[in-house]
Amino acid sequence: MGVAVPAAAKEVWVKDEVRLNLRTGPGNQFRIIGSLVTGDSVQLVTRGEGWTRVRLGDGRDGWVPAGFLMDGAPAATRVTAMEHETRELRGTVATLREEVETLRSESDRLGTSEAAERSRSQELEAENLKLKAGARWPEWITGAGILVSGMLVGSIVQTWASRRPRSRIRL
C-alpha cells in the first residue's frame, strides 16, 4: 500500500445511493467501525492510495474508499434542499400576494376617497369664488340705503323748514 498524503480539511460528500463502511485503516482488512450513506457530510483528513481518511461530525475518524466521495452534495440531497426552499418560497409568495391584494384594495379605497375629496375641494373653491365676487353687494346696498335715507331726510327737513314762518328780526 502507498503512503497517505495529508490533505487540507474540506467538506466532501458521499456519492449518490451508496452505503460505505467506515474502517479503522485504509483497506478492507481493517475493522468496520461505522457506516456512511448518501448525503452524509464528512471532513476530509488525509488522502491515500484508493482510500481517504475522514472525520465524522461526532469527531470519530475512519477510512473509506476514495472513489465514493465528491466535493458537492449529491443530487438527492440537493433535491431535498431545493424542495424545502421551494416550499418556503411558495409560502413567501403567497404571503406577498395577500399583502399586494391588501395594498391594492387600500389603494383603491384611497383613490376613491381622494376623488371625493378633490370633488369637494372644487365645490368649495367655486363657492369661495362666488362669495368673493358677491361679497361687496351688501356693502353697496347698505351705502345706497344710507345715501337715499339721508337725501330723504334732507328733503323732508328742507320742506318742513321752508313751510315754517321765519321771523323777520335779524340781528
N, C-alpha and C. Protein backbone atom coordinates (compact mmCIF):
# COMPACT_ATOMS: atom_id res chain seq x y z
N MET A 1 0.82 -1.18 0.00
CA MET A 1 0.00 0.00 0.00
C MET A 1 0.86 1.24 0.00
N GLY A 2 0.29 2.33 -0.58
CA GLY A 2 1.04 3.57 -0.71
C GLY A 2 1.01 4.40 0.55
N VAL A 3 1.74 5.44 0.51
CA VAL A 3 1.85 6.37 1.63
C VAL A 3 0.65 7.31 1.61
N ALA A 4 0.08 7.57 2.78
CA ALA A 4 -1.04 8.51 2.88
C ALA A 4 -0.53 9.94 2.87
N VAL A 5 -1.20 10.77 2.09
CA VAL A 5 -0.80 12.17 1.97
C VAL A 5 -1.81 13.03 2.71
N PRO A 6 -1.35 13.86 3.67
CA PRO A 6 -2.30 14.72 4.39
C PRO A 6 -2.97 15.69 3.41
N ALA A 7 -4.23 15.97 3.64
CA ALA A 7 -4.99 16.91 2.80
C ALA A 7 -5.55 18.00 3.68
N ALA A 8 -5.76 19.16 3.09
CA ALA A 8 -6.39 20.25 3.83
C ALA A 8 -7.82 19.85 4.15
N ALA A 9 -8.28 20.16 5.36
CA ALA A 9 -9.63 19.78 5.77
C ALA A 9 -10.65 20.55 4.94
N LYS A 10 -11.47 19.81 4.24
CA LYS A 10 -12.56 20.42 3.49
C LYS A 10 -13.73 19.46 3.52
N GLU A 11 -14.91 20.01 3.30
CA GLU A 11 -16.11 19.19 3.37
C GLU A 11 -16.30 18.46 2.05
N VAL A 12 -16.55 17.16 2.12
CA VAL A 12 -16.84 16.33 0.95
C VAL A 12 -18.08 15.51 1.27
N TRP A 13 -18.70 14.90 0.25
CA TRP A 13 -19.98 14.20 0.41
C TRP A 13 -19.87 12.78 -0.13
N VAL A 14 -20.66 11.89 0.46
CA VAL A 14 -20.76 10.52 -0.04
C VAL A 14 -21.62 10.56 -1.30
N LYS A 15 -21.15 9.86 -2.36
CA LYS A 15 -21.87 9.87 -3.64
C LYS A 15 -23.27 9.29 -3.52
N ASP A 16 -24.05 9.48 -4.59
CA ASP A 16 -25.45 9.05 -4.63
C ASP A 16 -25.65 7.57 -4.35
N GLU A 17 -26.70 7.28 -3.58
CA GLU A 17 -27.20 5.92 -3.35
C GLU A 17 -26.12 4.91 -2.97
N VAL A 18 -25.32 5.26 -1.98
CA VAL A 18 -24.23 4.39 -1.56
C VAL A 18 -24.29 4.23 -0.05
N ARG A 19 -23.86 3.03 0.41
CA ARG A 19 -23.65 2.80 1.84
C ARG A 19 -22.20 2.35 1.96
N LEU A 20 -21.39 3.16 2.64
CA LEU A 20 -19.97 2.89 2.78
C LEU A 20 -19.64 2.44 4.19
N ASN A 21 -18.75 1.47 4.28
CA ASN A 21 -18.25 1.07 5.59
C ASN A 21 -17.12 1.99 5.99
N LEU A 22 -17.17 2.47 7.21
CA LEU A 22 -16.11 3.29 7.77
C LEU A 22 -15.17 2.34 8.52
N ARG A 23 -13.89 2.32 8.14
CA ARG A 23 -12.95 1.33 8.68
C ARG A 23 -11.86 2.02 9.50
N THR A 24 -11.19 1.23 10.31
CA THR A 24 -10.13 1.76 11.17
C THR A 24 -8.84 2.04 10.40
N GLY A 25 -8.69 1.54 9.20
CA GLY A 25 -7.49 1.76 8.41
C GLY A 25 -7.81 1.74 6.93
N PRO A 26 -6.79 2.03 6.08
CA PRO A 26 -7.01 2.13 4.64
C PRO A 26 -6.96 0.77 3.93
N GLY A 27 -8.01 -0.02 4.10
CA GLY A 27 -8.08 -1.31 3.43
C GLY A 27 -9.24 -2.12 3.93
N ASN A 28 -9.67 -3.13 3.14
CA ASN A 28 -10.80 -3.97 3.52
C ASN A 28 -10.47 -4.89 4.70
N GLN A 29 -9.19 -5.12 4.99
CA GLN A 29 -8.81 -5.99 6.08
C GLN A 29 -9.01 -5.32 7.45
N PHE A 30 -9.23 -3.99 7.48
CA PHE A 30 -9.40 -3.29 8.76
C PHE A 30 -10.85 -3.39 9.23
N ARG A 31 -10.99 -3.33 10.54
CA ARG A 31 -12.29 -3.49 11.19
C ARG A 31 -13.25 -2.35 10.81
N ILE A 32 -14.54 -2.68 10.64
CA ILE A 32 -15.60 -1.70 10.34
C ILE A 32 -16.03 -1.06 11.66
N ILE A 33 -16.01 0.28 11.69
CA ILE A 33 -16.41 0.99 12.92
C ILE A 33 -17.68 1.82 12.73
N GLY A 34 -18.22 1.82 11.55
CA GLY A 34 -19.45 2.57 11.29
C GLY A 34 -19.76 2.54 9.81
N SER A 35 -20.74 3.32 9.42
CA SER A 35 -21.08 3.37 8.00
C SER A 35 -21.55 4.78 7.64
N LEU A 36 -21.43 5.08 6.36
CA LEU A 36 -21.88 6.35 5.80
C LEU A 36 -22.88 6.04 4.70
N VAL A 37 -23.85 6.93 4.55
CA VAL A 37 -24.85 6.75 3.48
C VAL A 37 -24.88 8.01 2.64
N THR A 38 -25.51 7.89 1.51
CA THR A 38 -25.63 9.03 0.59
C THR A 38 -26.16 10.25 1.33
N GLY A 39 -25.47 11.36 1.13
CA GLY A 39 -25.89 12.62 1.75
C GLY A 39 -25.17 12.94 3.04
N ASP A 40 -24.42 11.95 3.61
CA ASP A 40 -23.65 12.25 4.82
C ASP A 40 -22.49 13.17 4.46
N SER A 41 -22.25 14.14 5.31
CA SER A 41 -21.15 15.07 5.11
C SER A 41 -20.04 14.71 6.09
N VAL A 42 -18.80 14.68 5.60
CA VAL A 42 -17.65 14.37 6.44
C VAL A 42 -16.52 15.34 6.09
N GLN A 43 -15.55 15.45 6.99
CA GLN A 43 -14.38 16.29 6.74
C GLN A 43 -13.26 15.42 6.21
N LEU A 44 -12.63 15.87 5.14
CA LEU A 44 -11.50 15.17 4.55
C LEU A 44 -10.28 15.43 5.41
N VAL A 45 -9.62 14.35 5.87
CA VAL A 45 -8.44 14.49 6.73
C VAL A 45 -7.17 14.17 5.93
N THR A 46 -7.14 12.99 5.27
CA THR A 46 -5.96 12.54 4.54
C THR A 46 -6.39 11.74 3.33
N ARG A 47 -5.67 11.93 2.21
CA ARG A 47 -5.92 11.12 1.02
C ARG A 47 -4.78 10.11 0.91
N GLY A 48 -5.13 8.85 0.67
CA GLY A 48 -4.14 7.80 0.44
C GLY A 48 -4.38 7.18 -0.91
N GLU A 49 -3.69 6.08 -1.21
CA GLU A 49 -3.90 5.40 -2.48
C GLU A 49 -5.18 4.59 -2.40
N GLY A 50 -6.24 5.11 -3.00
CA GLY A 50 -7.52 4.40 -3.05
C GLY A 50 -8.37 4.55 -1.81
N TRP A 51 -7.81 5.12 -0.75
CA TRP A 51 -8.56 5.28 0.50
C TRP A 51 -8.41 6.71 1.00
N THR A 52 -9.44 7.17 1.68
CA THR A 52 -9.43 8.53 2.23
C THR A 52 -9.82 8.48 3.70
N ARG A 53 -9.03 9.18 4.51
CA ARG A 53 -9.36 9.29 5.93
C ARG A 53 -10.30 10.47 6.11
N VAL A 54 -11.40 10.24 6.81
CA VAL A 54 -12.41 11.27 7.02
C VAL A 54 -12.73 11.40 8.50
N ARG A 55 -13.29 12.55 8.85
CA ARG A 55 -13.73 12.78 10.24
C ARG A 55 -15.23 13.05 10.21
N LEU A 56 -15.96 12.31 11.03
CA LEU A 56 -17.41 12.47 11.12
C LEU A 56 -17.74 13.66 12.01
N GLY A 57 -18.98 14.06 11.98
CA GLY A 57 -19.44 15.20 12.78
C GLY A 57 -19.28 14.97 14.28
N ASP A 58 -19.31 13.72 14.72
CA ASP A 58 -19.16 13.43 16.15
C ASP A 58 -17.69 13.33 16.57
N GLY A 59 -16.76 13.58 15.65
CA GLY A 59 -15.34 13.59 15.97
C GLY A 59 -14.60 12.29 15.68
N ARG A 60 -15.30 11.22 15.33
CA ARG A 60 -14.63 9.94 15.03
C ARG A 60 -13.95 10.03 13.67
N ASP A 61 -12.80 9.38 13.57
CA ASP A 61 -12.07 9.29 12.31
C ASP A 61 -12.19 7.87 11.77
N GLY A 62 -12.13 7.74 10.43
CA GLY A 62 -12.15 6.43 9.81
C GLY A 62 -11.75 6.55 8.35
N TRP A 63 -11.64 5.40 7.70
CA TRP A 63 -11.20 5.35 6.30
C TRP A 63 -12.33 4.81 5.43
N VAL A 64 -12.48 5.42 4.23
CA VAL A 64 -13.47 4.96 3.24
C VAL A 64 -12.79 4.92 1.88
N PRO A 65 -13.30 4.09 0.95
CA PRO A 65 -12.74 4.09 -0.40
C PRO A 65 -12.86 5.49 -1.02
N ALA A 66 -11.79 5.98 -1.62
CA ALA A 66 -11.71 7.35 -2.13
C ALA A 66 -12.69 7.64 -3.26
N GLY A 67 -12.99 6.70 -4.09
CA GLY A 67 -13.83 6.95 -5.26
C GLY A 67 -15.28 7.23 -4.93
N PHE A 68 -15.67 7.12 -3.67
CA PHE A 68 -17.07 7.30 -3.30
C PHE A 68 -17.35 8.68 -2.69
N LEU A 69 -16.37 9.56 -2.70
CA LEU A 69 -16.56 10.90 -2.14
C LEU A 69 -16.54 11.92 -3.27
N MET A 70 -17.28 13.00 -3.09
CA MET A 70 -17.30 14.07 -4.08
C MET A 70 -17.39 15.41 -3.37
N ASP A 71 -16.99 16.46 -4.09
CA ASP A 71 -16.92 17.79 -3.48
C ASP A 71 -18.29 18.41 -3.19
N GLY A 72 -19.24 18.18 -4.04
CA GLY A 72 -20.56 18.79 -3.86
C GLY A 72 -21.55 17.80 -3.26
N ALA A 73 -22.65 18.34 -2.77
CA ALA A 73 -23.71 17.50 -2.22
C ALA A 73 -24.31 16.65 -3.34
N PRO A 74 -24.70 15.40 -3.04
CA PRO A 74 -25.30 14.56 -4.08
C PRO A 74 -26.66 15.11 -4.51
N ALA A 75 -27.08 14.65 -5.66
CA ALA A 75 -28.34 15.14 -6.25
C ALA A 75 -29.51 14.97 -5.30
N ALA A 76 -29.61 13.84 -4.63
CA ALA A 76 -30.74 13.59 -3.73
C ALA A 76 -30.78 14.64 -2.62
N THR A 77 -29.62 14.95 -2.07
CA THR A 77 -29.54 15.96 -1.01
C THR A 77 -29.89 17.34 -1.55
N ARG A 78 -29.38 17.66 -2.72
CA ARG A 78 -29.69 18.96 -3.32
C ARG A 78 -31.17 19.07 -3.65
N VAL A 79 -31.76 17.98 -4.14
CA VAL A 79 -33.19 17.99 -4.48
C VAL A 79 -34.01 18.22 -3.21
N THR A 80 -33.66 17.54 -2.13
CA THR A 80 -34.39 17.72 -0.87
C THR A 80 -34.27 19.16 -0.39
N ALA A 81 -33.07 19.70 -0.46
CA ALA A 81 -32.87 21.09 -0.04
C ALA A 81 -33.67 22.04 -0.93
N MET A 82 -33.67 21.79 -2.23
CA MET A 82 -34.42 22.65 -3.15
C MET A 82 -35.92 22.53 -2.92
N GLU A 83 -36.40 21.34 -2.60
CA GLU A 83 -37.83 21.18 -2.32
C GLU A 83 -38.21 21.97 -1.08
N HIS A 84 -37.36 21.91 -0.06
CA HIS A 84 -37.62 22.67 1.16
C HIS A 84 -37.62 24.17 0.86
N GLU A 85 -36.62 24.61 0.12
CA GLU A 85 -36.53 26.02 -0.24
C GLU A 85 -37.73 26.44 -1.09
N THR A 86 -38.15 25.56 -2.00
CA THR A 86 -39.31 25.86 -2.84
C THR A 86 -40.57 26.03 -2.00
N ARG A 87 -40.75 25.15 -1.00
CA ARG A 87 -41.91 25.28 -0.11
C ARG A 87 -41.88 26.61 0.63
N GLU A 88 -40.71 26.98 1.13
CA GLU A 88 -40.58 28.26 1.84
C GLU A 88 -40.87 29.43 0.90
N LEU A 89 -40.33 29.36 -0.30
CA LEU A 89 -40.55 30.45 -1.26
C LEU A 89 -42.02 30.54 -1.68
N ARG A 90 -42.67 29.41 -1.83
CA ARG A 90 -44.10 29.44 -2.17
C ARG A 90 -44.91 30.09 -1.05
N GLY A 91 -44.54 29.77 0.19
CA GLY A 91 -45.20 30.42 1.33
C GLY A 91 -44.98 31.92 1.32
N THR A 92 -43.75 32.31 1.02
CA THR A 92 -43.42 33.74 0.95
C THR A 92 -44.21 34.41 -0.18
N VAL A 93 -44.28 33.76 -1.33
CA VAL A 93 -45.02 34.31 -2.47
C VAL A 93 -46.50 34.45 -2.11
N ALA A 94 -47.07 33.45 -1.44
CA ALA A 94 -48.47 33.53 -1.05
C ALA A 94 -48.70 34.70 -0.09
N THR A 95 -47.79 34.86 0.86
CA THR A 95 -47.90 35.98 1.80
C THR A 95 -47.80 37.31 1.06
N LEU A 96 -46.85 37.40 0.15
CA LEU A 96 -46.68 38.63 -0.61
C LEU A 96 -47.89 38.92 -1.50
N ARG A 97 -48.48 37.88 -2.07
CA ARG A 97 -49.69 38.09 -2.88
C ARG A 97 -50.82 38.65 -2.03
N GLU A 98 -50.97 38.11 -0.81
CA GLU A 98 -52.00 38.62 0.09
C GLU A 98 -51.74 40.09 0.42
N GLU A 99 -50.48 40.41 0.70
CA GLU A 99 -50.13 41.80 1.00
C GLU A 99 -50.40 42.70 -0.20
N VAL A 100 -50.06 42.23 -1.39
CA VAL A 100 -50.30 43.02 -2.60
C VAL A 100 -51.80 43.27 -2.76
N GLU A 101 -52.60 42.24 -2.55
CA GLU A 101 -54.05 42.39 -2.68
C GLU A 101 -54.59 43.38 -1.64
N THR A 102 -54.08 43.28 -0.42
CA THR A 102 -54.49 44.22 0.62
C THR A 102 -54.10 45.64 0.24
N LEU A 103 -52.88 45.81 -0.25
CA LEU A 103 -52.42 47.14 -0.66
C LEU A 103 -53.22 47.67 -1.85
N ARG A 104 -53.58 46.79 -2.78
CA ARG A 104 -54.40 47.23 -3.92
C ARG A 104 -55.76 47.71 -3.47
N SER A 105 -56.40 46.95 -2.57
CA SER A 105 -57.73 47.37 -2.10
C SER A 105 -57.62 48.67 -1.31
N GLU A 106 -56.56 48.81 -0.53
CA GLU A 106 -56.35 50.06 0.21
C GLU A 106 -56.11 51.22 -0.75
N SER A 107 -55.34 50.95 -1.80
CA SER A 107 -55.08 51.97 -2.81
C SER A 107 -56.37 52.37 -3.52
N ASP A 108 -57.20 51.39 -3.85
CA ASP A 108 -58.49 51.70 -4.49
C ASP A 108 -59.37 52.54 -3.57
N ARG A 109 -59.39 52.15 -2.30
CA ARG A 109 -60.20 52.90 -1.32
C ARG A 109 -59.69 54.33 -1.20
N LEU A 110 -58.36 54.48 -1.12
CA LEU A 110 -57.79 55.81 -1.01
C LEU A 110 -58.01 56.61 -2.29
N GLY A 111 -57.95 55.95 -3.44
CA GLY A 111 -58.20 56.63 -4.71
C GLY A 111 -59.62 57.16 -4.76
N THR A 112 -60.58 56.35 -4.32
CA THR A 112 -61.98 56.79 -4.28
C THR A 112 -62.14 57.95 -3.31
N SER A 113 -61.51 57.83 -2.15
CA SER A 113 -61.57 58.88 -1.16
C SER A 113 -60.93 60.16 -1.69
N GLU A 114 -59.81 60.02 -2.39
CA GLU A 114 -59.12 61.18 -2.96
C GLU A 114 -60.01 61.86 -4.00
N ALA A 115 -60.67 61.07 -4.83
CA ALA A 115 -61.55 61.65 -5.85
C ALA A 115 -62.69 62.42 -5.19
N ALA A 116 -63.25 61.86 -4.13
CA ALA A 116 -64.34 62.55 -3.43
C ALA A 116 -63.84 63.83 -2.79
N GLU A 117 -62.66 63.79 -2.20
CA GLU A 117 -62.08 64.98 -1.59
C GLU A 117 -61.75 66.04 -2.64
N ARG A 118 -61.26 65.62 -3.78
CA ARG A 118 -60.94 66.55 -4.86
C ARG A 118 -62.23 67.23 -5.35
N SER A 119 -63.29 66.43 -5.50
CA SER A 119 -64.57 66.98 -5.94
C SER A 119 -65.09 67.99 -4.92
N ARG A 120 -65.00 67.64 -3.65
CA ARG A 120 -65.46 68.54 -2.58
C ARG A 120 -64.62 69.82 -2.56
N SER A 121 -63.32 69.68 -2.79
CA SER A 121 -62.42 70.84 -2.83
C SER A 121 -62.80 71.77 -3.99
N GLN A 122 -63.13 71.20 -5.14
CA GLN A 122 -63.53 72.02 -6.28
C GLN A 122 -64.85 72.74 -5.99
N GLU A 123 -65.77 72.05 -5.33
CA GLU A 123 -67.04 72.70 -4.95
C GLU A 123 -66.79 73.87 -4.01
N LEU A 124 -65.91 73.67 -3.04
CA LEU A 124 -65.61 74.73 -2.08
C LEU A 124 -64.91 75.92 -2.76
N GLU A 125 -64.03 75.63 -3.70
CA GLU A 125 -63.36 76.70 -4.45
C GLU A 125 -64.37 77.52 -5.25
N ALA A 126 -65.30 76.82 -5.90
CA ALA A 126 -66.33 77.53 -6.67
C ALA A 126 -67.20 78.38 -5.75
N GLU A 127 -67.56 77.83 -4.62
CA GLU A 127 -68.38 78.57 -3.65
C GLU A 127 -67.61 79.79 -3.12
N ASN A 128 -66.32 79.59 -2.88
CA ASN A 128 -65.48 80.68 -2.40
C ASN A 128 -65.40 81.80 -3.43
N LEU A 129 -65.24 81.44 -4.71
CA LEU A 129 -65.21 82.46 -5.77
C LEU A 129 -66.51 83.23 -5.83
N LYS A 130 -67.64 82.52 -5.69
CA LYS A 130 -68.94 83.19 -5.70
C LYS A 130 -69.03 84.18 -4.54
N LEU A 131 -68.57 83.75 -3.38
CA LEU A 131 -68.63 84.62 -2.22
C LEU A 131 -67.72 85.83 -2.38
N LYS A 132 -66.53 85.61 -2.94
CA LYS A 132 -65.62 86.72 -3.14
C LYS A 132 -66.18 87.71 -4.16
N ALA A 133 -66.77 87.20 -5.21
CA ALA A 133 -67.32 88.07 -6.26
C ALA A 133 -68.53 88.84 -5.75
N GLY A 134 -69.36 88.21 -4.95
CA GLY A 134 -70.59 88.86 -4.48
C GLY A 134 -70.46 89.43 -3.08
N ALA A 135 -69.30 89.47 -2.51
CA ALA A 135 -69.14 89.91 -1.13
C ALA A 135 -69.35 91.41 -0.97
N ARG A 136 -69.23 92.22 -2.02
CA ARG A 136 -69.35 93.68 -1.92
C ARG A 136 -70.80 94.16 -2.01
N TRP A 137 -71.69 93.33 -2.56
CA TRP A 137 -73.04 93.85 -2.78
C TRP A 137 -73.75 94.24 -1.48
N PRO A 138 -73.56 93.55 -0.36
CA PRO A 138 -74.25 94.04 0.85
C PRO A 138 -73.72 95.42 1.27
N GLU A 139 -72.43 95.67 1.08
CA GLU A 139 -71.87 96.98 1.43
C GLU A 139 -72.45 98.07 0.52
N TRP A 140 -72.55 97.74 -0.77
CA TRP A 140 -73.08 98.71 -1.72
C TRP A 140 -74.55 99.02 -1.42
N ILE A 141 -75.28 98.00 -1.13
CA ILE A 141 -76.71 98.21 -0.83
C ILE A 141 -76.86 99.02 0.45
N THR A 142 -76.07 98.74 1.46
CA THR A 142 -76.13 99.48 2.71
C THR A 142 -75.77 100.95 2.47
N GLY A 143 -74.71 101.16 1.72
CA GLY A 143 -74.31 102.54 1.41
C GLY A 143 -75.38 103.29 0.63
N ALA A 144 -75.95 102.62 -0.36
CA ALA A 144 -77.01 103.25 -1.15
C ALA A 144 -78.22 103.55 -0.27
N GLY A 145 -78.52 102.63 0.65
CA GLY A 145 -79.66 102.86 1.55
C GLY A 145 -79.42 104.05 2.45
N ILE A 146 -78.19 104.19 2.95
CA ILE A 146 -77.87 105.34 3.81
C ILE A 146 -77.95 106.63 3.01
N LEU A 147 -77.44 106.63 1.79
CA LEU A 147 -77.47 107.82 0.93
C LEU A 147 -78.91 108.24 0.64
N VAL A 148 -79.75 107.27 0.25
CA VAL A 148 -81.14 107.58 -0.07
C VAL A 148 -81.86 108.08 1.18
N SER A 149 -81.59 107.42 2.30
CA SER A 149 -82.24 107.85 3.55
C SER A 149 -81.82 109.28 3.89
N GLY A 150 -80.52 109.58 3.73
CA GLY A 150 -80.03 110.93 4.02
C GLY A 150 -80.67 111.96 3.11
N MET A 151 -80.83 111.61 1.85
CA MET A 151 -81.45 112.53 0.90
C MET A 151 -82.91 112.76 1.26
N LEU A 152 -83.59 111.67 1.64
CA LEU A 152 -85.00 111.82 2.03
C LEU A 152 -85.13 112.69 3.28
N VAL A 153 -84.29 112.42 4.25
CA VAL A 153 -84.36 113.21 5.49
C VAL A 153 -84.03 114.67 5.17
N GLY A 154 -83.02 114.88 4.35
CA GLY A 154 -82.66 116.26 3.98
C GLY A 154 -83.80 116.96 3.24
N SER A 155 -84.43 116.24 2.36
CA SER A 155 -85.54 116.80 1.60
C SER A 155 -86.72 117.13 2.52
N ILE A 156 -87.00 116.22 3.44
CA ILE A 156 -88.12 116.43 4.37
C ILE A 156 -87.81 117.63 5.28
N VAL A 157 -86.58 117.69 5.76
CA VAL A 157 -86.21 118.79 6.66
C VAL A 157 -86.28 120.11 5.90
N GLN A 158 -85.85 120.14 4.68
CA GLN A 158 -85.88 121.38 3.91
C GLN A 158 -87.32 121.80 3.63
N THR A 159 -88.14 120.84 3.29
CA THR A 159 -89.55 121.15 3.03
C THR A 159 -90.21 121.64 4.31
N TRP A 160 -89.98 121.04 5.36
CA TRP A 160 -90.58 121.42 6.63
C TRP A 160 -90.05 122.78 7.08
N ALA A 161 -88.78 123.02 6.86
CA ALA A 161 -88.20 124.30 7.26
C ALA A 161 -88.72 125.43 6.37
N SER A 162 -88.98 125.18 5.14
CA SER A 162 -89.47 126.24 4.26
C SER A 162 -90.94 126.54 4.53
N ARG A 163 -91.70 125.73 5.16
CA ARG A 163 -93.09 125.98 5.48
C ARG A 163 -93.23 126.75 6.78
N ARG A 164 -92.31 126.76 7.57
CA ARG A 164 -92.37 127.46 8.83
C ARG A 164 -92.15 128.96 8.60
N PRO A 165 -92.87 129.76 9.30
CA PRO A 165 -92.66 131.20 9.12
C PRO A 165 -91.33 131.60 9.78
N ARG A 166 -90.70 132.51 9.14
CA ARG A 166 -89.45 132.99 9.64
C ARG A 166 -89.69 134.34 10.32
N SER A 167 -88.94 134.44 11.33
CA SER A 167 -89.08 135.73 11.98
C SER A 167 -88.25 136.74 11.20
N ARG A 168 -88.73 137.99 11.19
CA ARG A 168 -88.11 139.00 10.37
C ARG A 168 -87.06 139.79 11.15
N ILE A 169 -86.85 139.42 12.31
CA ILE A 169 -85.89 140.15 13.10
C ILE A 169 -84.54 139.47 12.91
N ARG A 170 -83.71 140.31 12.51
CA ARG A 170 -82.35 139.78 12.33
C ARG A 170 -81.41 140.65 13.10
N LEU A 171 -80.56 140.13 13.69
CA LEU A 171 -79.58 140.88 14.45
C LEU A 171 -78.27 140.86 13.80
